[in-house]
Amino acid sequence: MIVGVLKETLPGERRVALVPAALPSLVSKGFEVLVEAGAGAAAGFTDGEFAARGAKVAAGREEVIRAADVIVCVRAGAGGLRAGQAVIGFFDPLSDPGRAREFAAAGLSAFAMELMPRITRAQSMDALSSMATVAGYKAVILAAYHLPRLFPMLMTAAGTVAPAKVFVVGVGVAGLQAIATARRLGAVVHAYDVRPAVKEQVLSLGAKFVELPLEAGQAEDKGGYARAMDETFYRRQRELMKRVVAESDVVITTAAVPGRKAPVLVTGDMVRGMAPGSVIVDLAAERGGNCELTESGAIVERHGVTVIGLLNLPSTAPYHASQLYARNVANFLHHIAGKGAIDFSSDDEILRETLVAHEGRIVHPRVKELLGEA
């Protein structure tokens, strides 16, 4: 099986789907890897490094598409690919199900990395968690850069500097990484999540868990992803969180529900109550934002507070983001094509849950339902 690696074309996307270190395990299992020249340059990987680890470097994109059985990429698209190929990458089929029709119409077998099931066997392939780790780290670094205060407590001859207060809303993978990073920088960290079960994880990282007297019920689905709550719940949550937000120097929000608009957790009135110079980093900006004043893709100042709604934070650390993503992709390839071909008739949960389009039609039940084709 020939695996093709294309240079990403989305503006600002600096990651690459496979890195040189991921190649030996694939080559040893019989995969051939064909890499478009310059595919890894933006992430810090040279063509020479790919060649030294067993890949063939193609002069152009067309050569890769013509030869490859499977195309792996970060941001998957149907443009230019040929019928019968398999493509693996991110394309957000739950939020933009129309993209699935493009893959089906092109005769492609499309695997969405966002749909990886949250089961033990698939942990090494969970690209969403890998990218959330990078995003959580970068959120704190951005906050520290924009905050006109220092994060750690300092005791100097000129007096003592009090530590910054950081509030993390949403304790998934990104939230946990944000907590750990803020703690390493010396901040006092509080965190909140609708799932009381994460309290132990918060405490283990040295942060304090904010407990609100709310009945969350079923806050996550059977796949381990967050479940949308009703507006009454969110309104009560905002009322109780207002004091904590006002006392914080930095608020980092991470709450997202797959296929749904992000819930508004921080209102304009709550932002108005924060001290001048405070910072909000909204990791849900791509889905509308957890902060009412977030502008997707921008850094704005509102009521003296810096609101950061930058998109695609993993791409701002492309070297390690690519490294993590490449391991996920390589493990996925081993799983679905380790015997030299993809068995599309398999009832394997990992293959079934990630396959969106095949043989000219949409095959994923949730995507079909969103398109009215169930």
Protein backbone atom coordinates (compact mmCIF):
# COMPACT_ATOMS: atom_id res chain seq x y z
CA MET A 1 0.00 0.00 0.00
CA ILE A 2 1.31 3.44 -0.98
CA VAL A 3 0.63 6.23 1.50
CA GLY A 4 0.79 9.76 0.12
CA VAL A 5 1.60 12.82 2.24
CA LEU A 6 0.53 16.15 0.76
CA LYS A 7 1.64 19.67 1.61
CA GLU A 8 -1.19 21.44 3.43
CA THR A 9 -2.91 24.17 1.40
CA LEU A 10 -5.17 25.82 4.00
CA PRO A 11 -3.82 29.33 4.78
CA GLY A 12 -1.95 29.31 8.09
CA GLU A 13 -1.80 25.51 8.35
CA ARG A 14 1.82 24.60 9.15
CA ARG A 15 1.42 21.01 10.33
CA VAL A 16 2.17 17.90 8.28
CA ALA A 17 0.36 14.56 8.53
CA LEU A 18 3.43 12.32 8.87
CA VAL A 19 6.89 13.16 10.21
CA PRO A 20 10.18 11.34 9.52
CA ALA A 21 10.20 9.61 12.94
CA ALA A 22 6.84 7.94 12.15
CA LEU A 23 8.05 6.34 8.92
CA PRO A 24 10.22 3.37 10.04
CA SER A 25 7.28 1.59 11.72
CA LEU A 26 5.22 1.96 8.53
CA VAL A 27 8.02 0.97 6.14
CA SER A 28 8.85 -2.10 8.23
CA LYS A 29 5.25 -3.28 7.82
CA GLY A 30 5.36 -2.96 4.05
CA PHE A 31 3.86 0.48 3.54
CA GLU A 32 5.49 2.72 0.92
CA VAL A 33 5.45 6.41 1.77
CA LEU A 34 5.45 9.10 -0.92
CA VAL A 35 5.88 12.67 0.31
CA GLU A 36 5.26 15.85 -1.68
CA ALA A 37 8.41 17.98 -1.76
CA GLY A 38 8.30 20.64 0.96
CA ALA A 39 5.36 19.03 2.77
CA GLY A 40 7.09 19.23 6.17
CA ALA A 41 9.08 22.44 5.71
CA ALA A 42 6.70 24.71 7.64
CA ALA A 43 6.77 22.30 10.59
CA GLY A 44 10.57 22.02 10.61
CA PHE A 45 11.05 18.72 8.73
CA THR A 46 13.21 18.64 5.58
CA ASP A 47 12.81 16.47 2.50
CA GLY A 48 16.20 14.95 3.30
CA GLU A 49 14.95 13.78 6.69
CA PHE A 50 11.96 12.08 5.07
CA ALA A 51 14.18 10.37 2.49
CA ALA A 52 16.63 9.20 5.18
CA ARG A 53 13.78 7.47 7.05
CA GLY A 54 12.52 5.53 4.03
CA ALA A 55 10.15 7.85 2.17
CA LYS A 56 10.28 8.74 -1.50
CA VAL A 57 10.06 12.48 -2.13
CA ALA A 58 7.86 13.42 -5.10
CA ALA A 59 8.51 16.56 -7.10
CA GLY A 60 4.88 17.60 -7.19
CA ARG A 61 1.39 17.09 -5.77
CA GLU A 62 0.09 15.35 -8.90
CA GLU A 63 2.71 12.61 -8.66
CA VAL A 64 1.62 11.81 -5.09
CA ILE A 65 -2.08 11.73 -5.98
CA ARG A 66 -1.47 9.59 -9.06
CA ALA A 67 0.47 6.90 -7.15
CA ALA A 68 -1.03 6.80 -3.64
CA ASP A 69 -3.69 4.37 -2.43
CA VAL A 70 -4.22 6.40 0.75
CA ILE A 71 -3.76 10.16 1.18
CA VAL A 72 -3.03 11.35 4.72
CA CYS A 73 -3.37 15.02 5.58
CA VAL A 74 -4.20 17.36 8.43
CA ARG A 75 -7.07 19.21 6.74
CA ALA A 76 -8.73 16.80 4.34
CA GLY A 77 -10.32 17.95 1.11
CA ALA A 78 -11.65 16.18 -1.98
CA GLY A 79 -10.17 18.60 -4.50
CA GLY A 80 -7.84 16.97 -7.01
CA LEU A 81 -8.00 13.47 -5.50
CA ARG A 82 -9.03 10.51 -7.64
CA ALA A 83 -11.92 8.09 -7.25
CA GLY A 84 -11.09 4.93 -5.31
CA GLN A 85 -8.55 6.58 -3.02
CA ALA A 86 -8.87 6.65 0.73
CA VAL A 87 -8.24 9.94 2.52
CA ILE A 88 -7.54 10.38 6.23
CA GLY A 89 -7.64 13.72 8.05
CA PHE A 90 -9.74 16.34 9.83
CA PHE A 91 -12.82 17.69 8.01
CA ASP A 92 -15.36 18.21 10.81
CA PRO A 93 -18.29 16.25 9.34
CA LEU A 94 -20.59 16.88 12.30
CA SER A 95 -20.38 20.67 12.05
CA ASP A 96 -20.09 20.79 8.26
CA PRO A 97 -21.78 17.60 6.98
CA GLY A 98 -21.93 19.03 3.47
CA ARG A 99 -18.21 18.30 3.17
CA ALA A 100 -19.06 14.59 3.36
CA ARG A 101 -21.08 14.92 0.15
CA GLU A 102 -17.98 16.23 -1.62
CA PHE A 103 -15.99 13.13 -0.69
CA ALA A 104 -18.86 10.84 -1.69
CA ALA A 105 -19.34 12.61 -5.02
CA ALA A 106 -15.61 12.26 -5.76
CA GLY A 107 -15.77 8.51 -5.11
CA LEU A 108 -13.40 8.72 -2.13
CA SER A 109 -13.31 6.66 1.05
CA ALA A 110 -13.06 9.39 3.68
CA PHE A 111 -11.98 8.79 7.28
CA ALA A 112 -12.55 11.64 9.78
CA MET A 113 -10.04 11.74 12.61
CA GLU A 114 -12.51 13.81 14.69
CA LEU A 115 -14.81 10.79 14.93
CA MET A 116 -12.30 8.47 16.58
CA PRO A 117 -14.25 6.59 19.29
CA ARG A 118 -13.25 7.24 22.89
CA ILE A 119 -12.39 3.63 23.68
CA THR A 120 -9.22 2.12 25.12
CA ARG A 121 -8.15 0.50 21.85
CA ALA A 122 -8.29 3.84 20.04
CA GLN A 123 -6.42 6.00 22.56
CA SER A 124 -3.20 5.95 20.53
CA MET A 125 -5.17 7.20 17.49
CA ASP A 126 -7.09 9.98 19.27
CA ALA A 127 -5.93 13.01 17.31
CA LEU A 128 -8.45 15.37 18.91
CA SER A 129 -6.88 14.73 22.31
CA SER A 130 -3.38 15.20 20.90
CA MET A 131 -4.27 18.56 19.37
CA ALA A 132 -6.17 19.62 22.50
CA THR A 133 -2.99 19.03 24.51
CA VAL A 134 -1.13 21.51 22.29
CA ALA A 135 -4.01 24.01 22.35
CA GLY A 136 -4.25 23.94 26.16
CA TYR A 137 -0.53 24.66 26.48
CA LYS A 138 -0.57 27.47 23.91
CA ALA A 139 -3.62 29.08 25.53
CA VAL A 140 -1.67 29.66 28.74
CA ILE A 141 1.40 30.93 26.88
CA LEU A 142 -0.81 33.42 25.00
CA ALA A 143 -2.46 34.54 28.24
CA ALA A 144 0.90 35.03 29.95
CA TYR A 145 2.15 37.09 27.00
CA HIS A 146 -0.87 39.43 26.97
CA LEU A 147 -1.39 39.71 30.74
CA PRO A 148 0.25 42.86 32.18
CA ARG A 149 1.14 40.86 35.29
CA LEU A 150 3.57 38.07 36.10
CA PHE A 151 2.23 34.56 36.64
CA PRO A 152 4.42 33.40 39.56
CA MET A 153 4.73 34.80 43.06
CA LEU A 154 8.10 36.56 43.42
CA MET A 155 9.73 37.66 46.65
CA THR A 156 12.26 40.38 45.94
CA ALA A 157 14.10 43.16 47.76
CA ALA A 158 11.55 45.53 46.22
CA GLY A 159 8.65 43.59 47.70
CA THR A 160 6.48 40.58 46.97
CA VAL A 161 4.66 40.03 43.68
CA ALA A 162 1.37 38.17 44.11
CA PRO A 163 0.71 35.25 41.75
CA ALA A 164 -1.79 35.56 38.92
CA LYS A 165 -5.21 33.93 39.32
CA VAL A 166 -6.21 31.66 36.44
CA PHE A 167 -9.68 30.16 35.99
CA VAL A 168 -10.05 27.23 33.56
CA VAL A 169 -13.58 26.43 32.42
CA GLY A 170 -13.92 22.93 31.01
CA VAL A 171 -11.61 20.18 32.23
CA GLY A 172 -11.15 18.01 29.17
CA VAL A 173 -7.73 17.33 27.66
CA ALA A 174 -7.16 21.00 26.75
CA GLY A 175 -8.33 22.16 30.16
CA LEU A 176 -6.07 19.74 32.02
CA GLN A 177 -3.07 20.82 29.98
CA ALA A 178 -3.94 24.49 30.60
CA ILE A 179 -4.12 23.81 34.35
CA ALA A 180 -0.77 22.01 34.35
CA THR A 181 0.95 24.73 32.31
CA ALA A 182 -0.44 27.59 34.40
CA ARG A 183 0.63 25.80 37.57
CA ARG A 184 4.15 25.30 36.18
CA LEU A 185 4.31 29.04 35.55
CA GLY A 186 3.37 29.65 39.17
CA ALA A 187 -0.24 30.82 38.92
CA VAL A 188 -2.99 30.06 41.42
CA VAL A 189 -5.44 27.99 39.38
CA HIS A 190 -9.14 27.28 39.81
CA ALA A 191 -11.10 25.05 37.45
CA TYR A 192 -14.71 24.14 36.80
CA ASP A 193 -16.46 21.44 34.78
CA VAL A 194 -20.06 20.23 34.67
CA ARG A 195 -18.74 16.72 35.35
CA PRO A 196 -18.01 16.41 39.09
CA ALA A 197 -15.95 13.29 38.35
CA VAL A 198 -13.04 15.41 37.07
CA LYS A 199 -12.53 17.02 40.48
CA GLU A 200 -9.89 14.45 41.42
CA GLN A 201 -7.89 15.20 38.25
CA VAL A 202 -8.00 18.94 38.96
CA LEU A 203 -6.79 18.46 42.52
CA SER A 204 -4.00 16.11 41.39
CA LEU A 205 -2.55 18.96 39.30
CA GLY A 206 -2.47 21.32 42.27
CA ALA A 207 -5.49 23.39 41.26
CA LYS A 208 -8.70 24.07 43.17
CA PHE A 209 -12.02 22.75 41.89
CA VAL A 210 -14.88 25.23 41.82
CA GLU A 211 -18.06 23.49 42.91
CA LEU A 212 -21.34 25.01 41.79
CA PRO A 213 -24.66 23.74 43.18
CA LEU A 214 -25.94 22.54 39.81
CA GLU A 215 -27.47 19.23 38.78
CA ALA A 216 -25.54 18.28 35.64
CA GLY A 217 -27.25 14.96 34.95
CA GLN A 218 -25.77 13.26 31.91
CA ALA A 219 -22.97 15.72 31.07
CA GLU A 220 -21.22 13.42 28.60
CA ASP A 221 -22.35 10.95 25.98
CA LYS A 222 -21.40 7.26 25.75
CA GLY A 223 -18.41 8.20 23.59
CA GLY A 224 -16.89 10.36 26.32
CA TYR A 225 -17.63 13.65 24.54
CA ALA A 226 -19.45 16.57 26.17
CA ARG A 227 -23.21 16.62 25.84
CA ALA A 228 -25.10 19.88 25.25
CA MET A 229 -27.18 21.04 28.24
CA ASP A 230 -30.34 23.15 28.06
CA GLU A 231 -30.31 26.96 28.23
CA THR A 232 -31.77 27.00 31.75
CA PHE A 233 -28.72 25.08 32.98
CA TYR A 234 -26.27 27.42 31.22
CA ARG A 235 -28.05 30.53 32.53
CA ARG A 236 -27.82 29.29 36.13
CA GLN A 237 -24.20 28.29 35.55
CA ARG A 238 -23.32 31.81 34.35
CA GLU A 239 -24.95 33.37 37.39
CA LEU A 240 -22.87 31.21 39.75
CA MET A 241 -19.64 31.67 37.81
CA LYS A 242 -19.81 35.46 37.68
CA ARG A 243 -18.00 35.99 40.99
CA VAL A 244 -15.19 33.57 40.13
CA VAL A 245 -14.66 35.24 36.74
CA ALA A 246 -14.53 38.70 38.33
CA GLU A 247 -11.79 37.57 40.72
CA SER A 248 -9.63 36.03 37.97
CA ASP A 249 -6.78 37.64 36.04
CA VAL A 250 -7.04 35.02 33.27
CA VAL A 251 -10.01 32.94 32.13
CA ILE A 252 -9.44 30.06 29.71
CA THR A 253 -12.56 28.46 28.26
CA THR A 254 -12.50 25.08 26.52
CA ALA A 255 -16.13 23.92 26.42
CA ALA A 256 -17.17 22.46 23.06
CA VAL A 257 -19.84 19.98 22.03
CA PRO A 258 -19.14 18.01 18.78
CA GLY A 259 -21.38 19.18 15.98
CA ARG A 260 -22.97 21.97 18.03
CA LYS A 261 -22.38 25.67 18.59
CA ALA A 262 -20.26 26.25 21.68
CA PRO A 263 -22.26 27.23 24.79
CA VAL A 264 -21.89 30.82 25.98
CA LEU A 265 -20.39 30.62 29.46
CA VAL A 266 -18.90 34.11 29.87
CA THR A 267 -21.28 36.99 29.09
CA GLY A 268 -20.43 40.57 28.22
CA ASP A 269 -21.60 41.58 31.68
CA MET A 270 -19.16 39.12 33.26
CA VAL A 271 -16.32 40.55 31.16
CA ARG A 272 -17.27 44.05 32.30
CA GLY A 273 -16.83 42.89 35.89
CA MET A 274 -13.20 41.77 35.36
CA ALA A 275 -10.25 43.98 36.31
CA PRO A 276 -8.69 46.07 33.52
CA GLY A 277 -5.82 44.20 31.87
CA SER A 278 -7.40 40.77 32.44
CA VAL A 279 -7.26 38.19 29.65
CA ILE A 280 -9.75 35.67 28.28
CA VAL A 281 -8.54 32.90 25.94
CA ASP A 282 -11.47 31.24 24.19
CA LEU A 283 -10.49 27.83 22.80
CA ALA A 284 -14.03 27.36 21.47
CA ALA A 285 -13.75 30.37 19.15
CA GLU A 286 -13.99 28.17 16.06
CA ARG A 287 -17.48 27.03 17.16
CA GLY A 288 -18.81 30.46 18.05
CA GLY A 289 -16.97 30.91 21.35
CA ASN A 290 -17.67 30.37 25.04
CA CYS A 291 -17.35 34.13 25.60
CA GLU A 292 -20.09 36.36 24.28
CA LEU A 293 -17.54 38.97 23.13
CA THR A 294 -15.17 36.61 21.31
CA GLU A 295 -14.42 37.46 17.69
CA SER A 296 -13.42 34.33 15.81
CA GLY A 297 -9.84 34.54 14.58
CA ALA A 298 -9.07 37.83 16.34
CA ILE A 299 -7.66 39.41 19.50
CA VAL A 300 -9.90 42.25 20.70
CA GLU A 301 -10.13 44.47 23.76
CA ARG A 302 -13.52 44.82 25.43
CA HIS A 303 -14.15 46.77 28.65
CA GLY A 304 -10.37 46.81 29.24
CA VAL A 305 -10.15 43.02 28.92
CA THR A 306 -8.19 41.27 26.15
CA VAL A 307 -10.35 38.58 24.53
CA ILE A 308 -8.34 36.10 22.44
CA GLY A 309 -10.27 34.08 19.87
CA LEU A 310 -7.41 32.85 17.69
CA LEU A 311 -8.05 29.71 15.64
CA ASN A 312 -6.00 26.58 15.05
CA LEU A 313 -3.59 27.02 17.96
CA PRO A 314 -1.94 23.61 17.35
CA SER A 315 -0.61 24.99 14.07
CA THR A 316 1.33 27.62 16.03
CA ALA A 317 3.45 24.80 17.48
CA PRO A 318 3.71 22.77 14.26
CA TYR A 319 6.78 20.70 15.09
CA HIS A 320 5.38 18.90 18.10
CA ALA A 321 1.75 19.10 16.92
CA SER A 322 2.82 17.27 13.74
CA GLN A 323 4.80 14.77 15.77
CA LEU A 324 1.77 13.88 17.89
CA TYR A 325 -0.64 13.83 14.96
CA ALA A 326 1.72 11.65 12.90
CA ARG A 327 1.77 9.03 15.66
CA ASN A 328 -2.03 9.02 15.69
CA VAL A 329 -2.17 8.64 11.90
CA ALA A 330 0.50 5.92 11.80
CA ASN A 331 -1.29 3.93 14.49
CA PHE A 332 -4.56 4.32 12.61
CA LEU A 333 -2.95 3.10 9.37
CA HIS A 334 -1.52 0.07 11.17
CA HIS A 335 -4.97 -0.69 12.55
CA ILE A 336 -7.09 -0.39 9.41
CA ALA A 337 -4.54 -1.41 6.76
CA GLY A 338 -1.91 -3.43 8.58
CA LYS A 339 -2.60 -6.46 6.36
CA GLY A 340 -1.89 -4.56 3.15
CA ALA A 341 -5.43 -3.41 2.36
CA ILE A 342 -8.39 -1.79 4.08
CA ASP A 343 -11.19 -4.26 4.80
CA PHE A 344 -14.24 -2.05 4.37
CA SER A 345 -16.53 -4.95 5.22
CA SER A 346 -15.02 -5.18 8.71
CA ASP A 347 -17.30 -4.60 11.69
CA ASP A 348 -14.41 -3.07 13.66
CA GLU A 349 -15.70 -0.16 15.74
CA ILE A 350 -12.73 2.09 15.00
CA LEU A 351 -13.07 1.71 11.23
CA ARG A 352 -16.86 1.92 11.32
CA GLU A 353 -17.01 5.07 13.48
CA THR A 354 -14.43 7.04 11.46
CA LEU A 355 -15.52 6.10 7.92
CA VAL A 356 -17.83 8.83 6.60
CA ALA A 357 -17.98 8.25 2.82
CA HIS A 358 -17.35 5.15 0.69
CA GLU A 359 -18.17 4.02 -2.85
CA GLY A 360 -20.03 7.19 -3.76
CA ARG A 361 -22.26 7.42 -0.72
CA ILE A 362 -22.27 8.67 2.85
CA VAL A 363 -22.10 5.72 5.23
CA HIS A 364 -21.80 7.28 8.70
CA PRO A 365 -25.20 7.21 10.51
CA ARG A 366 -24.78 10.52 12.39
CA VAL A 367 -23.67 12.39 9.28
CA LYS A 368 -26.53 10.89 7.26
CA GLU A 369 -28.96 12.01 9.95
CA LEU A 370 -27.57 15.57 9.86
CA LEU A 371 -28.05 15.62 6.08
CA GLY A 372 -31.58 14.26 6.35
CA GLU A 373 -30.60 10.99 4.69
CA ALA A 374 -31.13 8.63 7.64
